[in-house]
Amino acid sequence: MSSRLGPRHWIVAVFAGAALVAAGIVGLSFHDVAGRVVLIGLTIGIAGLTIAGWVLLRYGVSRPLDAVHAAVTRIAAGDLASPIPVTSGLDQFGAILAALAALRDQALARQALEQERLNQMSERDGRREQIESVITEFRAAVVAVLSQGANATRAMRQAAKI
């Protein structure tokens, strides 16, 4: 058996030593002091776990959730060019951000299609205006020719009556 003590052994030795010293000072039995030391140790352990849980929630959940909220808010406001935060894991936040990126990409594609549709409508309206202009000019030319033909016919009738 090795005479070398590991870290857990030192902790037990320190608590046992503290219990023996406290028992001698206070005048309590070793078992009473040992029970109190164990209770204090459990309290410190619970406090440590509580702090570790808070740190985990703060940095492991709250910050990524804040990043998701900010990205969703920007996209909802119409800022489709804003970047989507990237997560390193394949957790729920990663899935939410991947879905958000897909949503943004679809919105960008829809926006591009809408712009293309507006451009096509503008081109079609321009062609329609050109066609209407040609029709108007043609109509004016036909009316002018018909008017000249009517005048010529009247002139010929009058010339024939003379």
C-alpha atoms as a PDB file:
ATOM      1  CA  MET A   1       0.000   0.000   0.000  1.00  0.00           C
ATOM      2  CA  SER A   2       1.315   3.419  -0.890  1.00  0.00           C
ATOM      3  CA  SER A   3       1.933   5.990   1.813  1.00  0.00           C
ATOM      4  CA  ARG A   4       1.108   8.744  -0.652  1.00  0.00           C
ATOM      5  CA  LEU A   5      -2.308  10.383  -0.112  1.00  0.00           C
ATOM      6  CA  GLY A   6      -4.507  11.570  -2.948  1.00  0.00           C
ATOM      7  CA  PRO A   7      -6.472  14.859  -2.955  1.00  0.00           C
ATOM      8  CA  ARG A   8      -9.617  13.228  -1.549  1.00  0.00           C
ATOM      9  CA  HIS A   9      -7.657  11.757   1.326  1.00  0.00           C
ATOM     10  CA  TRP A  10      -6.258  15.172   2.226  1.00  0.00           C
ATOM     11  CA  ILE A  11      -9.735  16.682   2.292  1.00  0.00           C
ATOM     12  CA  VAL A  12     -10.983  13.931   4.612  1.00  0.00           C
ATOM     13  CA  ALA A  13      -7.897  14.341   6.795  1.00  0.00           C
ATOM     14  CA  VAL A  14      -8.389  18.116   7.036  1.00  0.00           C
ATOM     15  CA  PHE A  15     -12.080  17.735   7.964  1.00  0.00           C
ATOM     16  CA  ALA A  16     -11.248  15.012  10.520  1.00  0.00           C
ATOM     17  CA  GLY A  17      -8.473  17.164  12.005  1.00  0.00           C
ATOM     18  CA  ALA A  18     -10.776  20.161  12.150  1.00  0.00           C
ATOM     19  CA  ALA A  19     -13.404  18.036  13.886  1.00  0.00           C
ATOM     20  CA  LEU A  20     -10.868  16.809  16.475  1.00  0.00           C
ATOM     21  CA  VAL A  21      -9.597  20.326  17.167  1.00  0.00           C
ATOM     22  CA  ALA A  22     -13.147  21.707  17.410  1.00  0.00           C
ATOM     23  CA  ALA A  23     -14.158  18.869  19.716  1.00  0.00           C
ATOM     24  CA  GLY A  24     -11.288  19.709  22.056  1.00  0.00           C
ATOM     25  CA  ILE A  25     -11.937  23.455  22.004  1.00  0.00           C
ATOM     26  CA  VAL A  26     -15.705  23.475  22.345  1.00  0.00           C
ATOM     27  CA  GLY A  27     -15.902  20.490  24.619  1.00  0.00           C
ATOM     28  CA  LEU A  28     -18.299  18.535  22.418  1.00  0.00           C
ATOM     29  CA  SER A  29     -17.989  14.921  21.528  1.00  0.00           C
ATOM     30  CA  PHE A  30     -16.167  13.946  18.362  1.00  0.00           C
ATOM     31  CA  HIS A  31     -19.392  12.660  16.795  1.00  0.00           C
ATOM     32  CA  ASP A  32     -21.236  15.967  17.367  1.00  0.00           C
ATOM     33  CA  VAL A  33     -18.425  17.977  15.822  1.00  0.00           C
ATOM     34  CA  ALA A  34     -18.027  15.485  12.964  1.00  0.00           C
ATOM     35  CA  GLY A  35     -21.759  15.775  12.215  1.00  0.00           C
ATOM     36  CA  ARG A  36     -21.504  19.549  12.153  1.00  0.00           C
ATOM     37  CA  VAL A  37     -18.439  19.405   9.904  1.00  0.00           C
ATOM     38  CA  VAL A  38     -20.312  17.103   7.522  1.00  0.00           C
ATOM     39  CA  LEU A  39     -23.285  19.490   7.587  1.00  0.00           C
ATOM     40  CA  ILE A  40     -21.009  22.439   6.810  1.00  0.00           C
ATOM     41  CA  GLY A  41     -19.361  20.437   4.042  1.00  0.00           C
ATOM     42  CA  LEU A  42     -22.737  19.583   2.535  1.00  0.00           C
ATOM     43  CA  THR A  43     -23.800  23.230   2.748  1.00  0.00           C
ATOM     44  CA  ILE A  44     -20.622  24.343   0.980  1.00  0.00           C
ATOM     45  CA  GLY A  45     -21.128  21.602  -1.631  1.00  0.00           C
ATOM     46  CA  ILE A  46     -24.718  22.634  -2.273  1.00  0.00           C
ATOM     47  CA  ALA A  47     -23.671  26.286  -2.539  1.00  0.00           C
ATOM     48  CA  GLY A  48     -20.954  25.281  -5.012  1.00  0.00           C
ATOM     49  CA  LEU A  49     -23.406  23.278  -7.099  1.00  0.00           C
ATOM     50  CA  THR A  50     -25.849  26.188  -7.040  1.00  0.00           C
ATOM     51  CA  ILE A  51     -23.159  28.587  -8.274  1.00  0.00           C
ATOM     52  CA  ALA A  52     -22.050  26.095 -10.939  1.00  0.00           C
ATOM     53  CA  GLY A  53     -25.679  25.718 -12.063  1.00  0.00           C
ATOM     54  CA  TRP A  54     -26.103  29.483 -12.281  1.00  0.00           C
ATOM     55  CA  VAL A  55     -22.905  29.830 -14.312  1.00  0.00           C
ATOM     56  CA  LEU A  56     -24.066  27.045 -16.626  1.00  0.00           C
ATOM     57  CA  LEU A  57     -27.464  28.679 -17.103  1.00  0.00           C
ATOM     58  CA  ARG A  58     -25.970  32.126 -17.591  1.00  0.00           C
ATOM     59  CA  TYR A  59     -23.278  31.223 -20.079  1.00  0.00           C
ATOM     60  CA  GLY A  60     -24.666  27.997 -21.533  1.00  0.00           C
ATOM     61  CA  VAL A  61     -28.322  28.971 -21.974  1.00  0.00           C
ATOM     62  CA  SER A  62     -28.970  32.661 -21.430  1.00  0.00           C
ATOM     63  CA  ARG A  63     -26.296  34.067 -23.750  1.00  0.00           C
ATOM     64  CA  PRO A  64     -27.124  31.788 -26.694  1.00  0.00           C
ATOM     65  CA  LEU A  65     -30.815  32.495 -26.136  1.00  0.00           C
ATOM     66  CA  ASP A  66     -30.102  36.245 -26.141  1.00  0.00           C
ATOM     67  CA  ALA A  67     -28.183  35.815 -29.428  1.00  0.00           C
ATOM     68  CA  VAL A  68     -31.113  33.895 -30.957  1.00  0.00           C
ATOM     69  CA  HIS A  69     -33.555  36.567 -29.777  1.00  0.00           C
ATOM     70  CA  ALA A  70     -31.432  39.376 -31.232  1.00  0.00           C
ATOM     71  CA  ALA A  71     -31.120  37.569 -34.587  1.00  0.00           C
ATOM     72  CA  VAL A  72     -34.868  36.889 -34.769  1.00  0.00           C
ATOM     73  CA  THR A  73     -35.621  40.515 -33.894  1.00  0.00           C
ATOM     74  CA  ARG A  74     -33.293  41.801 -36.633  1.00  0.00           C
ATOM     75  CA  ILE A  75     -34.808  39.482 -39.234  1.00  0.00           C
ATOM     76  CA  ALA A  76     -38.350  40.400 -38.142  1.00  0.00           C
ATOM     77  CA  ALA A  77     -37.410  44.049 -38.612  1.00  0.00           C
ATOM     78  CA  GLY A  78     -36.418  43.265 -42.217  1.00  0.00           C
ATOM     79  CA  ASP A  79     -32.638  43.157 -41.789  1.00  0.00           C
ATOM     80  CA  LEU A  80     -32.035  40.031 -43.860  1.00  0.00           C
ATOM     81  CA  ALA A  81     -28.361  40.848 -44.406  1.00  0.00           C
ATOM     82  CA  SER A  82     -27.516  40.553 -40.702  1.00  0.00           C
ATOM     83  CA  PRO A  83     -25.420  37.539 -39.731  1.00  0.00           C
ATOM     84  CA  ILE A  84     -26.859  34.609 -37.814  1.00  0.00           C
ATOM     85  CA  PRO A  85     -24.757  33.620 -34.762  1.00  0.00           C
ATOM     86  CA  VAL A  86     -22.941  30.310 -35.123  1.00  0.00           C
ATOM     87  CA  THR A  87     -22.906  27.710 -32.370  1.00  0.00           C
ATOM     88  CA  SER A  88     -20.239  25.098 -31.956  1.00  0.00           C
ATOM     89  CA  GLY A  89     -22.526  22.299 -30.833  1.00  0.00           C
ATOM     90  CA  LEU A  90     -25.395  20.287 -32.186  1.00  0.00           C
ATOM     91  CA  ASP A  91     -27.734  21.323 -29.401  1.00  0.00           C
ATOM     92  CA  GLN A  92     -31.180  22.901 -29.549  1.00  0.00           C
ATOM     93  CA  PHE A  93     -29.712  26.359 -30.061  1.00  0.00           C
ATOM     94  CA  GLY A  94     -27.765  25.081 -33.060  1.00  0.00           C
ATOM     95  CA  ALA A  95     -30.968  23.616 -34.496  1.00  0.00           C
ATOM     96  CA  ILE A  96     -32.865  26.857 -33.901  1.00  0.00           C
ATOM     97  CA  LEU A  97     -30.107  28.923 -35.495  1.00  0.00           C
ATOM     98  CA  ALA A  98     -29.909  26.556 -38.487  1.00  0.00           C
ATOM     99  CA  ALA A  99     -33.669  26.886 -38.969  1.00  0.00           C
ATOM    100  CA  LEU A 100     -33.379  30.659 -38.616  1.00  0.00           C
ATOM    101  CA  ALA A 101     -30.620  30.740 -41.239  1.00  0.00           C
ATOM    102  CA  ALA A 102     -32.805  28.671 -43.589  1.00  0.00           C
ATOM    103  CA  LEU A 103     -35.707  31.044 -42.950  1.00  0.00           C
ATOM    104  CA  ARG A 104     -33.500  34.038 -43.707  1.00  0.00           C
ATOM    105  CA  ASP A 105     -32.166  32.410 -46.893  1.00  0.00           C
ATOM    106  CA  GLN A 106     -35.725  31.682 -48.045  1.00  0.00           C
ATOM    107  CA  ALA A 107     -36.737  35.271 -47.298  1.00  0.00           C
ATOM    108  CA  LEU A 108     -33.741  36.523 -49.313  1.00  0.00           C
ATOM    109  CA  ALA A 109     -34.684  34.239 -52.210  1.00  0.00           C
ATOM    110  CA  ARG A 110     -38.310  35.405 -52.010  1.00  0.00           C
ATOM    111  CA  GLN A 111     -37.105  39.014 -51.965  1.00  0.00           C
ATOM    112  CA  ALA A 112     -34.945  38.385 -55.057  1.00  0.00           C
ATOM    113  CA  LEU A 113     -37.899  36.752 -56.846  1.00  0.00           C
ATOM    114  CA  GLU A 114     -40.131  39.682 -55.934  1.00  0.00           C
ATOM    115  CA  GLN A 115     -37.544  42.125 -57.286  1.00  0.00           C
ATOM    116  CA  GLU A 116     -37.286  40.091 -60.509  1.00  0.00           C
ATOM    117  CA  ARG A 117     -41.086  40.118 -60.809  1.00  0.00           C
ATOM    118  CA  LEU A 118     -41.162  43.893 -60.350  1.00  0.00           C
ATOM    119  CA  ASN A 119     -38.453  44.308 -62.994  1.00  0.00           C
ATOM    120  CA  GLN A 120     -40.419  42.126 -65.435  1.00  0.00           C
ATOM    121  CA  MET A 121     -43.584  44.109 -64.740  1.00  0.00           C
ATOM    122  CA  SER A 122     -41.707  47.350 -65.367  1.00  0.00           C
ATOM    123  CA  GLU A 123     -40.308  46.016 -68.650  1.00  0.00           C
ATOM    124  CA  ARG A 124     -43.783  44.778 -69.669  1.00  0.00           C
ATOM    125  CA  ASP A 125     -45.298  48.182 -68.852  1.00  0.00           C
ATOM    126  CA  GLY A 126     -42.578  49.873 -70.921  1.00  0.00           C
ATOM    127  CA  ARG A 127     -43.296  47.580 -73.889  1.00  0.00           C
ATOM    128  CA  ARG A 128     -47.033  48.201 -73.509  1.00  0.00           C
ATOM    129  CA  GLU A 129     -46.474  51.954 -73.569  1.00  0.00           C
ATOM    130  CA  GLN A 130     -44.343  51.599 -76.712  1.00  0.00           C
ATOM    131  CA  ILE A 131     -47.041  49.483 -78.394  1.00  0.00           C
ATOM    132  CA  GLU A 132     -49.748  51.969 -77.393  1.00  0.00           C
ATOM    133  CA  SER A 133     -47.612  54.786 -78.788  1.00  0.00           C
ATOM    134  CA  VAL A 134     -47.159  52.929 -82.098  1.00  0.00           C
ATOM    135  CA  ILE A 135     -50.908  52.186 -82.233  1.00  0.00           C
ATOM    136  CA  THR A 136     -51.719  55.842 -81.569  1.00  0.00           C
ATOM    137  CA  GLU A 137     -49.326  56.963 -84.326  1.00  0.00           C
ATOM    138  CA  PHE A 138     -50.772  54.327 -86.692  1.00  0.00           C
ATOM    139  CA  ARG A 139     -54.322  55.404 -85.893  1.00  0.00           C
ATOM    140  CA  ALA A 140     -53.401  59.052 -86.521  1.00  0.00           C
ATOM    141  CA  ALA A 141     -51.766  58.090 -89.835  1.00  0.00           C
ATOM    142  CA  VAL A 142     -54.812  56.009 -90.895  1.00  0.00           C
ATOM    143  CA  VAL A 143     -57.180  58.832 -89.956  1.00  0.00           C
ATOM    144  CA  ALA A 144     -55.022  61.291 -91.911  1.00  0.00           C
ATOM    145  CA  VAL A 145     -54.972  59.004 -94.991  1.00  0.00           C
ATOM    146  CA  LEU A 146     -58.719  58.396 -94.761  1.00  0.00           C
ATOM    147  CA  SER A 147     -59.291  62.114 -94.355  1.00  0.00           C
ATOM    148  CA  GLN A 148     -57.146  62.805 -97.427  1.00  0.00           C
ATOM    149  CA  GLY A 149     -59.016  60.093 -99.343  1.00  0.00           C
ATOM    150  CA  ALA A 150     -62.356  61.604 -98.333  1.00  0.00           C
ATOM    151  CA  ASN A 151     -61.179  65.060 -99.381  1.00  0.00           C
ATOM    152  CA  ALA A 152     -59.910  63.669-102.672  1.00  0.00           C
ATOM    153  CA  THR A 153     -63.227  61.882-103.256  1.00  0.00           C
ATOM    154  CA  ARG A 154     -65.166  65.091-102.556  1.00  0.00           C
ATOM    155  CA  ALA A 155     -62.905  67.031-104.834  1.00  0.00           C
ATOM    156  CA  MET A 156     -63.439  64.470-107.623  1.00  0.00           C
ATOM    157  CA  ARG A 157     -67.229  64.561-107.172  1.00  0.00           C
ATOM    158  CA  GLN A 158     -67.261  68.295-107.361  1.00  0.00           C
ATOM    159  CA  ALA A 159     -65.019  68.242-110.397  1.00  0.00           C
ATOM    160  CA  ALA A 160     -67.364  65.744-112.027  1.00  0.00           C
ATOM    161  CA  LYS A 161     -70.408  67.989-111.421  1.00  0.00           C
ATOM    162  CA  ILE A 162     -68.935  70.956-113.097  1.00  0.00           C
END
